[in-house]
Amino acid sequence: MRARAGPVPNAPDPCPAEIPDDFNPSDAMLRWANATYPGLDLHFETDQFVRYWQAEGRRKKSWATAWQKWIADSHKRQAQDRSRASPRRESVTNARVAEGMRLAARFAETERQALPP
């Protein structure tokens, strides 16, 4: 199900511009993100968003809309990462020790059966 972003507080500028150095999501944008994607670290995501677009140097018509898309994409990536996480596996060392213990038990049983009663 696709989450609706809701209205962006500021209409897009007619001319694309680079991300402002002082870009910060509005209170309305933060409320939207918290309500739509609870649990996301919005401070971290915003910092990553600003750094990425400053490094890219590209222009956008609406940085508010781009931020909302970034938040939605981050939520999707986190959900995919959680679903791909494999169940906890036994360590290689534990598996080797367990196999050694089974082998020792087999040898002990074979030896016990070989001894006269």
C-alpha atoms as a PDB file:
ATOM      1  CA  MET A   1       0.000   0.000   0.000  1.00  0.00           C
ATOM      2  CA  ARG A   2       1.403   3.363  -0.964  1.00  0.00           C
ATOM      3  CA  ALA A   3       1.320   6.072   1.680  1.00  0.00           C
ATOM      4  CA  ARG A   4      -0.014   9.398   0.571  1.00  0.00           C
ATOM      5  CA  ALA A   5       2.387  12.224   1.157  1.00  0.00           C
ATOM      6  CA  GLY A   6      -0.307  14.780   1.714  1.00  0.00           C
ATOM      7  CA  PRO A   7      -0.018  18.381   0.695  1.00  0.00           C
ATOM      8  CA  VAL A   8       3.429  19.880   0.592  1.00  0.00           C
ATOM      9  CA  PRO A   9       3.381  23.099   2.623  1.00  0.00           C
ATOM     10  CA  ASN A  10       5.099  25.225  -0.004  1.00  0.00           C
ATOM     11  CA  ALA A  11       4.213  25.073  -3.683  1.00  0.00           C
ATOM     12  CA  PRO A  12       7.118  24.126  -5.932  1.00  0.00           C
ATOM     13  CA  ASP A  13       9.221  26.980  -7.224  1.00  0.00           C
ATOM     14  CA  PRO A  14       8.873  27.460 -10.956  1.00  0.00           C
ATOM     15  CA  CYS A  15      12.657  27.207 -11.395  1.00  0.00           C
ATOM     16  CA  PRO A  16      14.620  24.283  -9.992  1.00  0.00           C
ATOM     17  CA  ALA A  17      17.199  25.222  -7.370  1.00  0.00           C
ATOM     18  CA  GLU A  18      19.982  23.520  -5.437  1.00  0.00           C
ATOM     19  CA  ILE A  19      19.156  22.431  -1.914  1.00  0.00           C
ATOM     20  CA  PRO A  20      19.343  25.364   0.506  1.00  0.00           C
ATOM     21  CA  ASP A  21      22.149  25.178   3.065  1.00  0.00           C
ATOM     22  CA  ASP A  22      19.576  25.705   5.808  1.00  0.00           C
ATOM     23  CA  PHE A  23      17.057  23.119   4.561  1.00  0.00           C
ATOM     24  CA  ASN A  24      14.859  21.814   7.354  1.00  0.00           C
ATOM     25  CA  PRO A  25      11.525  20.034   7.065  1.00  0.00           C
ATOM     26  CA  SER A  26       8.593  22.069   8.329  1.00  0.00           C
ATOM     27  CA  ASP A  27       6.639  21.033  11.424  1.00  0.00           C
ATOM     28  CA  ALA A  28       3.854  19.805   9.112  1.00  0.00           C
ATOM     29  CA  MET A  29       6.325  17.624   7.200  1.00  0.00           C
ATOM     30  CA  LEU A  30       7.708  16.156  10.430  1.00  0.00           C
ATOM     31  CA  ARG A  31       4.180  15.431  11.697  1.00  0.00           C
ATOM     32  CA  TRP A  32       3.382  13.713   8.401  1.00  0.00           C
ATOM     33  CA  ALA A  33       6.544  11.601   8.534  1.00  0.00           C
ATOM     34  CA  ASN A  34       6.013  10.610  12.174  1.00  0.00           C
ATOM     35  CA  ALA A  35       2.397   9.649  11.504  1.00  0.00           C
ATOM     36  CA  THR A  36       3.081   7.823   8.240  1.00  0.00           C
ATOM     37  CA  TYR A  37       6.412   6.143   9.054  1.00  0.00           C
ATOM     38  CA  PRO A  38       6.738   5.878  12.841  1.00  0.00           C
ATOM     39  CA  GLY A  39      10.106   4.769  14.087  1.00  0.00           C
ATOM     40  CA  LEU A  40      12.241   6.449  11.431  1.00  0.00           C
ATOM     41  CA  ASP A  41      15.021   8.619  12.792  1.00  0.00           C
ATOM     42  CA  LEU A  42      13.975  11.815  11.035  1.00  0.00           C
ATOM     43  CA  HIS A  43      16.974  13.801  12.237  1.00  0.00           C
ATOM     44  CA  PHE A  44      19.356  11.190  10.782  1.00  0.00           C
ATOM     45  CA  GLU A  45      17.363  10.836   7.554  1.00  0.00           C
ATOM     46  CA  THR A  46      17.215  14.610   7.053  1.00  0.00           C
ATOM     47  CA  ASP A  47      20.953  14.909   7.634  1.00  0.00           C
ATOM     48  CA  GLN A  48      21.599  12.144   5.083  1.00  0.00           C
ATOM     49  CA  PHE A  49      19.185  13.768   2.631  1.00  0.00           C
ATOM     50  CA  VAL A  50      20.883  17.172   2.866  1.00  0.00           C
ATOM     51  CA  ARG A  51      24.402  15.726   2.602  1.00  0.00           C
ATOM     52  CA  TYR A  52      23.481  13.568  -0.379  1.00  0.00           C
ATOM     53  CA  TRP A  53      21.908  16.405  -2.347  1.00  0.00           C
ATOM     54  CA  GLN A  54      24.656  18.864  -1.451  1.00  0.00           C
ATOM     55  CA  ALA A  55      27.191  16.379  -2.800  1.00  0.00           C
ATOM     56  CA  GLU A  56      25.125  15.764  -5.937  1.00  0.00           C
ATOM     57  CA  GLY A  57      24.677  19.475  -6.608  1.00  0.00           C
ATOM     58  CA  ARG A  58      21.508  18.796  -8.579  1.00  0.00           C
ATOM     59  CA  ARG A  59      18.448  21.003  -8.697  1.00  0.00           C
ATOM     60  CA  LYS A  60      14.875  20.223  -7.677  1.00  0.00           C
ATOM     61  CA  LYS A  61      11.623  22.080  -8.140  1.00  0.00           C
ATOM     62  CA  SER A  62      10.457  21.146  -4.642  1.00  0.00           C
ATOM     63  CA  TRP A  63      12.865  20.110  -1.915  1.00  0.00           C
ATOM     64  CA  ALA A  64       9.930  19.431   0.393  1.00  0.00           C
ATOM     65  CA  THR A  65       8.544  16.852  -2.037  1.00  0.00           C
ATOM     66  CA  ALA A  66      12.015  15.363  -2.540  1.00  0.00           C
ATOM     67  CA  TRP A  67      12.405  15.021   1.242  1.00  0.00           C
ATOM     68  CA  GLN A  68       9.043  13.248   1.521  1.00  0.00           C
ATOM     69  CA  LYS A  69      10.113  10.810  -1.190  1.00  0.00           C
ATOM     70  CA  TRP A  70      13.437  10.254   0.608  1.00  0.00           C
ATOM     71  CA  ILE A  71      11.580   9.427   3.831  1.00  0.00           C
ATOM     72  CA  ALA A  72       9.239   7.008   2.031  1.00  0.00           C
ATOM     73  CA  ASP A  73      12.173   5.335   0.270  1.00  0.00           C
ATOM     74  CA  SER A  74      14.129   5.015   3.531  1.00  0.00           C
ATOM     75  CA  HIS A  75      11.170   3.350   5.191  1.00  0.00           C
ATOM     76  CA  LYS A  76      10.865   0.927   2.273  1.00  0.00           C
ATOM     77  CA  ARG A  77      14.598   0.072   2.394  1.00  0.00           C
ATOM     78  CA  GLN A  78      14.449  -0.572   6.133  1.00  0.00           C
ATOM     79  CA  ALA A  79      11.421  -2.842   5.721  1.00  0.00           C
ATOM     80  CA  GLN A  80      13.201  -4.779   2.954  1.00  0.00           C
ATOM     81  CA  ASP A  81      16.350  -5.104   5.067  1.00  0.00           C
ATOM     82  CA  ARG A  82      14.307  -6.510   7.952  1.00  0.00           C
ATOM     83  CA  SER A  83      12.556  -9.017   5.694  1.00  0.00           C
ATOM     84  CA  ARG A  84      15.871 -10.184   4.207  1.00  0.00           C
ATOM     85  CA  ALA A  85      17.496 -10.729   7.571  1.00  0.00           C
ATOM     86  CA  SER A  86      18.131 -14.424   7.896  1.00  0.00           C
ATOM     87  CA  PRO A  87      17.189 -16.293  11.050  1.00  0.00           C
ATOM     88  CA  ARG A  88      19.963 -16.641  13.558  1.00  0.00           C
ATOM     89  CA  ARG A  89      22.292 -19.409  12.439  1.00  0.00           C
ATOM     90  CA  GLU A  90      24.528 -21.593  14.515  1.00  0.00           C
ATOM     91  CA  SER A  91      28.136 -20.460  14.366  1.00  0.00           C
ATOM     92  CA  VAL A  92      30.634 -22.545  12.418  1.00  0.00           C
ATOM     93  CA  THR A  93      32.551 -23.248  15.620  1.00  0.00           C
ATOM     94  CA  ASN A  94      29.430 -24.465  17.430  1.00  0.00           C
ATOM     95  CA  ALA A  95      28.514 -26.664  14.459  1.00  0.00           C
ATOM     96  CA  ARG A  96      31.993 -28.226  14.409  1.00  0.00           C
ATOM     97  CA  VAL A  97      31.968 -28.859  18.156  1.00  0.00           C
ATOM     98  CA  ALA A  98      28.517 -30.454  17.912  1.00  0.00           C
ATOM     99  CA  GLU A  99      29.682 -32.691  15.046  1.00  0.00           C
ATOM    100  CA  GLY A 100      32.762 -33.687  17.064  1.00  0.00           C
ATOM    101  CA  MET A 101      30.570 -34.565  20.042  1.00  0.00           C
ATOM    102  CA  ARG A 102      28.316 -36.738  17.848  1.00  0.00           C
ATOM    103  CA  LEU A 103      31.356 -38.487  16.383  1.00  0.00           C
ATOM    104  CA  ALA A 104      32.812 -39.102  19.862  1.00  0.00           C
ATOM    105  CA  ALA A 105      29.466 -40.549  21.000  1.00  0.00           C
ATOM    106  CA  ARG A 106      29.412 -42.891  17.984  1.00  0.00           C
ATOM    107  CA  PHE A 107      32.954 -44.081  18.696  1.00  0.00           C
ATOM    108  CA  ALA A 108      32.110 -44.608  22.361  1.00  0.00           C
ATOM    109  CA  GLU A 109      29.029 -46.653  21.436  1.00  0.00           C
ATOM    110  CA  THR A 110      31.021 -48.735  18.911  1.00  0.00           C
ATOM    111  CA  GLU A 111      33.713 -49.373  21.520  1.00  0.00           C
ATOM    112  CA  ARG A 112      31.151 -50.322  24.170  1.00  0.00           C
ATOM    113  CA  GLN A 113      29.546 -52.820  21.800  1.00  0.00           C
ATOM    114  CA  ALA A 114      32.945 -54.351  20.921  1.00  0.00           C
ATOM    115  CA  LEU A 115      33.795 -55.138  24.561  1.00  0.00           C
ATOM    116  CA  PRO A 116      32.704 -58.507  25.981  1.00  0.00           C
ATOM    117  CA  PRO A 117      29.829 -58.322  28.494  1.00  0.00           C
END
